[in-house]
Amino acid sequence: MSGKFRIETDRARLARILRRLRTEAKMPQGDLAQRLGRPQSFVSRYETGQRRLDLPELKEVCQELGITLRMLVEHFEDRHEA
């Protein structure tokens, strides 16, 4: 697998994991966006892979979802996820 393809695949997987964690938290995109002080499109765009999150943004999303950044990384590293 080429490096670029793997990165794109990993980005898509991260987006799917974030969406799944939000839906498991029973939190609509609009509610999460409001908690983040952002428009709903912010959440939609990173969940569809149209936008990347930097580390501080990712940490903030995790906090609002009730998980730690470490927990997110564990989900991401679990090859059975998403």
C-alpha atoms as a PDB file:
ATOM      1  CA  MET A   1       0.000   0.000   0.000  1.00  0.00           C
ATOM      2  CA  SER A   2       1.468   3.346  -0.994  1.00  0.00           C
ATOM      3  CA  GLY A   3       2.103   5.951   1.680  1.00  0.00           C
ATOM      4  CA  LYS A   4      -0.330   8.487   0.231  1.00  0.00           C
ATOM      5  CA  PHE A   5      -3.122   5.908  -0.107  1.00  0.00           C
ATOM      6  CA  ARG A   6      -2.559   4.759   3.473  1.00  0.00           C
ATOM      7  CA  ILE A   7      -2.740   8.332   4.794  1.00  0.00           C
ATOM      8  CA  GLU A   8      -5.986   8.954   2.906  1.00  0.00           C
ATOM      9  CA  THR A   9      -7.391   5.655   4.196  1.00  0.00           C
ATOM     10  CA  ASP A  10      -6.377   6.538   7.758  1.00  0.00           C
ATOM     11  CA  ARG A  11      -8.008   9.979   7.450  1.00  0.00           C
ATOM     12  CA  ALA A  12     -11.249   8.403   6.235  1.00  0.00           C
ATOM     13  CA  ARG A  13     -11.127   5.877   9.086  1.00  0.00           C
ATOM     14  CA  LEU A  14     -10.618   8.642  11.646  1.00  0.00           C
ATOM     15  CA  ALA A  15     -13.612  10.517  10.229  1.00  0.00           C
ATOM     16  CA  ARG A  16     -15.765   7.359  10.503  1.00  0.00           C
ATOM     17  CA  ILE A  17     -14.629   6.762  14.089  1.00  0.00           C
ATOM     18  CA  LEU A  18     -15.428  10.344  15.103  1.00  0.00           C
ATOM     19  CA  ARG A  19     -18.881  10.070  13.530  1.00  0.00           C
ATOM     20  CA  ARG A  20     -19.541   6.730  15.234  1.00  0.00           C
ATOM     21  CA  LEU A  21     -18.447   8.075  18.628  1.00  0.00           C
ATOM     22  CA  ARG A  22     -20.741  11.082  18.211  1.00  0.00           C
ATOM     23  CA  THR A  23     -23.718   8.942  17.234  1.00  0.00           C
ATOM     24  CA  GLU A  24     -23.018   6.519  20.097  1.00  0.00           C
ATOM     25  CA  ALA A  25     -23.087   9.544  22.406  1.00  0.00           C
ATOM     26  CA  LYS A  26     -26.544  10.266  20.914  1.00  0.00           C
ATOM     27  CA  MET A  27     -25.390  13.753  20.041  1.00  0.00           C
ATOM     28  CA  PRO A  28     -26.624  15.349  16.809  1.00  0.00           C
ATOM     29  CA  GLN A  29     -24.069  17.276  14.768  1.00  0.00           C
ATOM     30  CA  GLY A  30     -25.795  20.553  15.644  1.00  0.00           C
ATOM     31  CA  ASP A  31     -25.543  19.899  19.376  1.00  0.00           C
ATOM     32  CA  LEU A  32     -21.866  19.037  19.170  1.00  0.00           C
ATOM     33  CA  ALA A  33     -21.202  22.081  17.016  1.00  0.00           C
ATOM     34  CA  GLN A  34     -22.968  24.308  19.531  1.00  0.00           C
ATOM     35  CA  ARG A  35     -20.877  22.878  22.370  1.00  0.00           C
ATOM     36  CA  LEU A  36     -17.753  23.559  20.306  1.00  0.00           C
ATOM     37  CA  GLY A  37     -18.902  27.091  19.484  1.00  0.00           C
ATOM     38  CA  ARG A  38     -18.799  26.254  15.765  1.00  0.00           C
ATOM     39  CA  PRO A  39     -21.352  25.963  12.968  1.00  0.00           C
ATOM     40  CA  GLN A  40     -22.883  22.560  12.246  1.00  0.00           C
ATOM     41  CA  SER A  41     -20.966  22.510   8.957  1.00  0.00           C
ATOM     42  CA  PHE A  42     -17.707  22.305  10.951  1.00  0.00           C
ATOM     43  CA  VAL A  43     -18.723  18.903  12.322  1.00  0.00           C
ATOM     44  CA  SER A  44     -20.165  17.759   9.010  1.00  0.00           C
ATOM     45  CA  ARG A  45     -17.007  18.667   7.113  1.00  0.00           C
ATOM     46  CA  TYR A  46     -14.589  16.785   9.362  1.00  0.00           C
ATOM     47  CA  GLU A  47     -16.918  13.774   9.534  1.00  0.00           C
ATOM     48  CA  THR A  48     -17.007  13.576   5.738  1.00  0.00           C
ATOM     49  CA  GLY A  49     -13.267  14.115   5.389  1.00  0.00           C
ATOM     50  CA  GLN A  50     -13.619  17.537   3.772  1.00  0.00           C
ATOM     51  CA  ARG A  51     -11.779  19.156   6.674  1.00  0.00           C
ATOM     52  CA  ARG A  52      -8.879  18.072   8.840  1.00  0.00           C
ATOM     53  CA  LEU A  53      -8.734  18.734  12.549  1.00  0.00           C
ATOM     54  CA  ASP A  54      -5.561  19.929  14.197  1.00  0.00           C
ATOM     55  CA  LEU A  55      -4.584  18.401  17.533  1.00  0.00           C
ATOM     56  CA  PRO A  56      -6.153  21.082  19.775  1.00  0.00           C
ATOM     57  CA  GLU A  57      -9.419  20.840  17.793  1.00  0.00           C
ATOM     58  CA  LEU A  58      -9.363  17.051  17.994  1.00  0.00           C
ATOM     59  CA  LYS A  59      -8.806  17.229  21.755  1.00  0.00           C
ATOM     60  CA  GLU A  60     -11.746  19.623  22.112  1.00  0.00           C
ATOM     61  CA  VAL A  61     -14.024  17.324  20.082  1.00  0.00           C
ATOM     62  CA  CYS A  62     -12.988  14.384  22.259  1.00  0.00           C
ATOM     63  CA  GLN A  63     -13.721  16.317  25.445  1.00  0.00           C
ATOM     64  CA  GLU A  64     -17.201  17.193  24.217  1.00  0.00           C
ATOM     65  CA  LEU A  65     -17.817  13.547  23.321  1.00  0.00           C
ATOM     66  CA  GLY A  66     -16.765  12.497  26.825  1.00  0.00           C
ATOM     67  CA  ILE A  67     -13.598  10.668  25.822  1.00  0.00           C
ATOM     68  CA  THR A  68      -9.910  11.387  26.078  1.00  0.00           C
ATOM     69  CA  LEU A  69      -7.563  11.869  23.178  1.00  0.00           C
ATOM     70  CA  ARG A  70      -5.833   8.684  24.322  1.00  0.00           C
ATOM     71  CA  MET A  71      -9.116   6.772  24.040  1.00  0.00           C
ATOM     72  CA  LEU A  72      -9.575   8.071  20.494  1.00  0.00           C
ATOM     73  CA  VAL A  73      -6.084   6.906  19.566  1.00  0.00           C
ATOM     74  CA  GLU A  74      -6.876   3.479  21.004  1.00  0.00           C
ATOM     75  CA  HIS A  75      -9.997   3.295  18.819  1.00  0.00           C
ATOM     76  CA  PHE A  76      -7.920   4.368  15.835  1.00  0.00           C
ATOM     77  CA  GLU A  77      -5.189   1.810  16.506  1.00  0.00           C
ATOM     78  CA  ASP A  78      -7.742  -0.999  16.860  1.00  0.00           C
ATOM     79  CA  ARG A  79      -7.736  -2.418  13.317  1.00  0.00           C
ATOM     80  CA  HIS A  80     -11.246  -3.822  13.826  1.00  0.00           C
ATOM     81  CA  GLU A  81     -12.652  -0.293  14.153  1.00  0.00           C
ATOM     82  CA  ALA A  82     -14.524   1.415  11.342  1.00  0.00           C
END
